[in-house]
Amino acid sequence: MEGIPPPPWKVVEAAVRCGRELVTRVDRDLADLGLSWGQFQALAVVVEQRGWIHAGAVGRRMGVSRQSAHALLRRLDARGFLTWKDEGWIRSARPTAEGEEALREAYGRLEDVFAAIARLTIQERKMVVSAEYSIHRELLRPARRPQWYEEYLPEERRGEPRGEPSTR
């Protein structure tokens, strides 16, 4: 069984299940603080910046849209975790002392999750990160779209579906 690779749908199923389990656990552990995974992640990005940062930059670092990042920052602002600077054409945020304290407390609440990950071998952790990177890279590739004229070509001249190497 070791030599047979899992089919793609099993990889997707495993990745989604693992991601959901982690996000559910993090959300549960942060619920007392009134933070979600997204808010925690946005607050961590803002605190790590050590200065002013705008929603577009937060979104890029989180892998979400500027609009989504701005909505997360507004929720953090409502809790008093951010202070804003309006430069007319762009608004930037940085953490307040309460925001930095909330992040420290959130990290404390997640110690058991971090400990569970730390119990994995170094090789297992590297495999998870490497697999995520590879999947992300492959999903960024544009899907091959058949050209309008391909149906008129002989079979041996038609393009290959994405991901399948040519045998010609």
Protein backbone atom coordinates (compact mmCIF):
# COMPACT_ATOMS: atom_id res chain seq x y z
CA MET A 1 0.00 0.00 0.00
CA GLU A 2 2.98 2.29 0.59
CA GLY A 3 3.83 2.47 -3.10
CA ILE A 4 0.31 3.43 -4.23
CA PRO A 5 -0.27 7.20 -4.06
CA PRO A 6 -3.63 8.40 -2.78
CA PRO A 7 -6.01 9.69 -5.43
CA PRO A 8 -6.34 13.50 -5.69
CA TRP A 9 -9.78 13.55 -4.06
CA LYS A 10 -8.35 11.83 -0.96
CA VAL A 11 -5.64 14.51 -0.72
CA VAL A 12 -8.27 17.26 -0.95
CA GLU A 13 -10.44 15.49 1.62
CA ALA A 14 -7.54 15.12 4.07
CA ALA A 15 -6.35 18.72 3.65
CA VAL A 16 -9.83 20.17 4.10
CA ARG A 17 -10.58 17.96 7.11
CA CYS A 18 -7.28 18.86 8.81
CA GLY A 19 -7.79 22.57 8.10
CA ARG A 20 -11.33 22.48 9.48
CA GLU A 21 -10.20 20.65 12.61
CA LEU A 22 -7.48 23.22 13.27
CA VAL A 23 -9.70 26.24 12.62
CA THR A 24 -12.50 24.76 14.75
CA ARG A 25 -10.08 24.10 17.61
CA VAL A 26 -8.52 27.58 17.36
CA ASP A 27 -11.96 29.24 17.21
CA ARG A 28 -13.04 27.27 20.28
CA ASP A 29 -9.89 28.15 22.22
CA LEU A 30 -10.22 31.86 21.33
CA ALA A 31 -13.99 32.12 21.86
CA ASP A 32 -13.59 33.43 25.42
CA LEU A 33 -11.53 36.30 24.05
CA GLY A 34 -14.15 37.04 21.40
CA LEU A 35 -11.67 36.36 18.59
CA SER A 36 -12.05 34.15 15.54
CA TRP A 37 -9.20 32.53 13.63
CA GLY A 38 -9.36 35.30 11.03
CA GLN A 39 -9.31 38.08 13.63
CA PHE A 40 -6.42 36.40 15.45
CA GLN A 41 -4.47 36.08 12.21
CA ALA A 42 -5.13 39.71 11.24
CA LEU A 43 -4.13 40.95 14.69
CA ALA A 44 -0.93 38.89 14.52
CA VAL A 45 -0.06 40.44 11.14
CA VAL A 46 -0.67 43.96 12.47
CA VAL A 47 1.37 43.39 15.65
CA GLU A 48 4.24 41.74 13.74
CA GLN A 49 4.41 44.79 11.43
CA ARG A 50 5.67 46.97 14.31
CA GLY A 51 4.28 50.07 12.66
CA TRP A 52 1.48 51.27 10.43
CA ILE A 53 -0.04 48.82 7.95
CA HIS A 54 -2.98 49.13 5.58
CA ALA A 55 -5.68 46.54 4.84
CA GLY A 56 -4.23 45.65 1.43
CA ALA A 57 -0.92 44.63 3.01
CA VAL A 58 -2.72 42.66 5.73
CA GLY A 59 -4.79 40.91 3.07
CA ARG A 60 -1.71 39.96 1.02
CA ARG A 61 0.00 38.47 4.07
CA MET A 62 -3.13 36.55 5.03
CA GLY A 63 -3.99 35.46 1.50
CA VAL A 64 -7.37 37.22 1.49
CA SER A 65 -8.81 40.23 -0.31
CA ARG A 66 -8.27 43.80 0.85
CA GLN A 67 -11.99 44.05 1.57
CA SER A 68 -11.95 40.95 3.78
CA ALA A 69 -8.88 42.20 5.63
CA HIS A 70 -10.51 45.62 6.13
CA ALA A 71 -13.62 43.96 7.59
CA LEU A 72 -11.42 42.03 10.04
CA LEU A 73 -9.56 45.20 10.97
CA ARG A 74 -12.87 47.03 11.58
CA ARG A 75 -13.94 44.26 13.97
CA LEU A 76 -10.62 44.51 15.81
CA ASP A 77 -11.01 48.30 15.93
CA ALA A 78 -14.47 47.94 17.48
CA ARG A 79 -12.82 45.97 20.29
CA GLY A 80 -10.27 48.75 20.85
CA PHE A 81 -7.36 46.67 19.54
CA LEU A 82 -6.31 49.11 16.78
CA THR A 83 -5.62 52.78 16.27
CA TRP A 84 -5.95 54.36 12.81
CA LYS A 85 -4.09 56.95 10.77
CA ASP A 86 -6.03 58.48 7.87
CA GLU A 87 -3.80 59.87 5.16
CA GLY A 88 -6.70 60.90 2.93
CA TRP A 89 -6.06 58.31 0.25
CA ILE A 90 -5.34 55.35 2.55
CA ARG A 91 -6.06 54.33 6.12
CA SER A 92 -3.42 52.47 8.10
CA ALA A 93 -3.69 50.73 11.46
CA ARG A 94 -1.40 49.69 14.24
CA PRO A 95 -2.12 47.86 17.48
CA THR A 96 -3.03 49.50 20.74
CA ALA A 97 -1.63 48.22 24.03
CA GLU A 98 -4.93 46.33 24.45
CA GLY A 99 -4.45 44.73 21.04
CA GLU A 100 -0.94 43.57 21.86
CA GLU A 101 -2.15 42.19 25.21
CA ALA A 102 -5.05 40.38 23.49
CA LEU A 103 -2.62 38.76 21.06
CA ARG A 104 -0.34 37.62 23.91
CA GLU A 105 -3.33 36.13 25.69
CA ALA A 106 -4.54 34.47 22.48
CA TYR A 107 -1.15 32.83 21.96
CA GLY A 108 -1.40 31.58 25.54
CA ARG A 109 -4.81 30.05 24.85
CA LEU A 110 -3.37 28.23 21.83
CA GLU A 111 -0.49 26.60 23.72
CA ASP A 112 -2.11 23.16 23.59
CA VAL A 113 -2.58 23.42 19.80
CA PHE A 114 1.06 24.46 19.39
CA ALA A 115 2.13 21.64 21.72
CA ALA A 116 0.18 19.12 19.63
CA ILE A 117 1.95 20.35 16.48
CA ALA A 118 5.31 20.29 18.29
CA ARG A 119 4.76 16.60 19.07
CA LEU A 120 4.92 15.84 15.35
CA THR A 121 8.34 14.89 14.08
CA ILE A 122 10.31 17.55 12.25
CA GLN A 123 9.91 15.51 9.07
CA GLU A 124 6.10 15.42 9.49
CA ARG A 125 5.96 19.18 10.01
CA LYS A 126 8.14 19.78 6.96
CA MET A 127 5.91 17.48 4.90
CA VAL A 128 2.78 19.41 5.89
CA VAL A 129 4.31 22.77 5.01
CA SER A 130 5.81 21.42 1.78
CA ALA A 131 2.52 19.83 0.72
CA GLU A 132 0.61 23.05 1.39
CA TYR A 133 3.12 25.04 -0.64
CA SER A 134 2.97 22.57 -3.54
CA ILE A 135 -0.83 22.47 -3.58
CA HIS A 136 -0.99 26.28 -3.45
CA ARG A 137 1.51 26.57 -6.32
CA GLU A 138 -0.40 24.08 -8.48
CA LEU A 139 -3.76 25.72 -7.84
CA LEU A 140 -2.35 29.06 -8.99
CA ARG A 141 -1.65 27.59 -12.42
CA PRO A 142 -4.41 28.51 -14.87
CA ALA A 143 -6.61 25.65 -15.96
CA ARG A 144 -6.11 24.60 -19.55
CA ARG A 145 -9.06 25.67 -21.64
CA PRO A 146 -9.65 23.86 -24.93
CA GLN A 147 -9.31 26.11 -27.95
CA TRP A 148 -12.29 26.55 -30.25
CA TYR A 149 -10.55 24.79 -33.13
CA GLU A 150 -9.36 21.68 -31.25
CA GLU A 151 -12.43 19.65 -32.06
CA TYR A 152 -11.48 19.91 -35.72
CA LEU A 153 -7.91 18.66 -35.17
CA PRO A 154 -6.87 15.03 -35.45
CA GLU A 155 -6.70 13.31 -32.04
CA GLU A 156 -2.88 13.28 -31.97
CA ARG A 157 -2.73 17.08 -32.45
CA ARG A 158 -5.09 18.04 -29.63
CA GLY A 159 -3.72 19.59 -26.45
CA GLU A 160 -3.14 17.56 -23.29
CA PRO A 161 -5.34 18.12 -20.26
CA ARG A 162 -3.55 20.05 -17.52
CA GLY A 163 -1.31 17.94 -15.35
CA GLU A 164 -0.94 15.04 -17.74
CA PRO A 165 2.45 14.89 -19.46
CA SER A 166 2.61 14.37 -23.19
CA THR A 167 3.55 10.88 -24.37
CA ARG A 168 4.40 12.09 -27.88
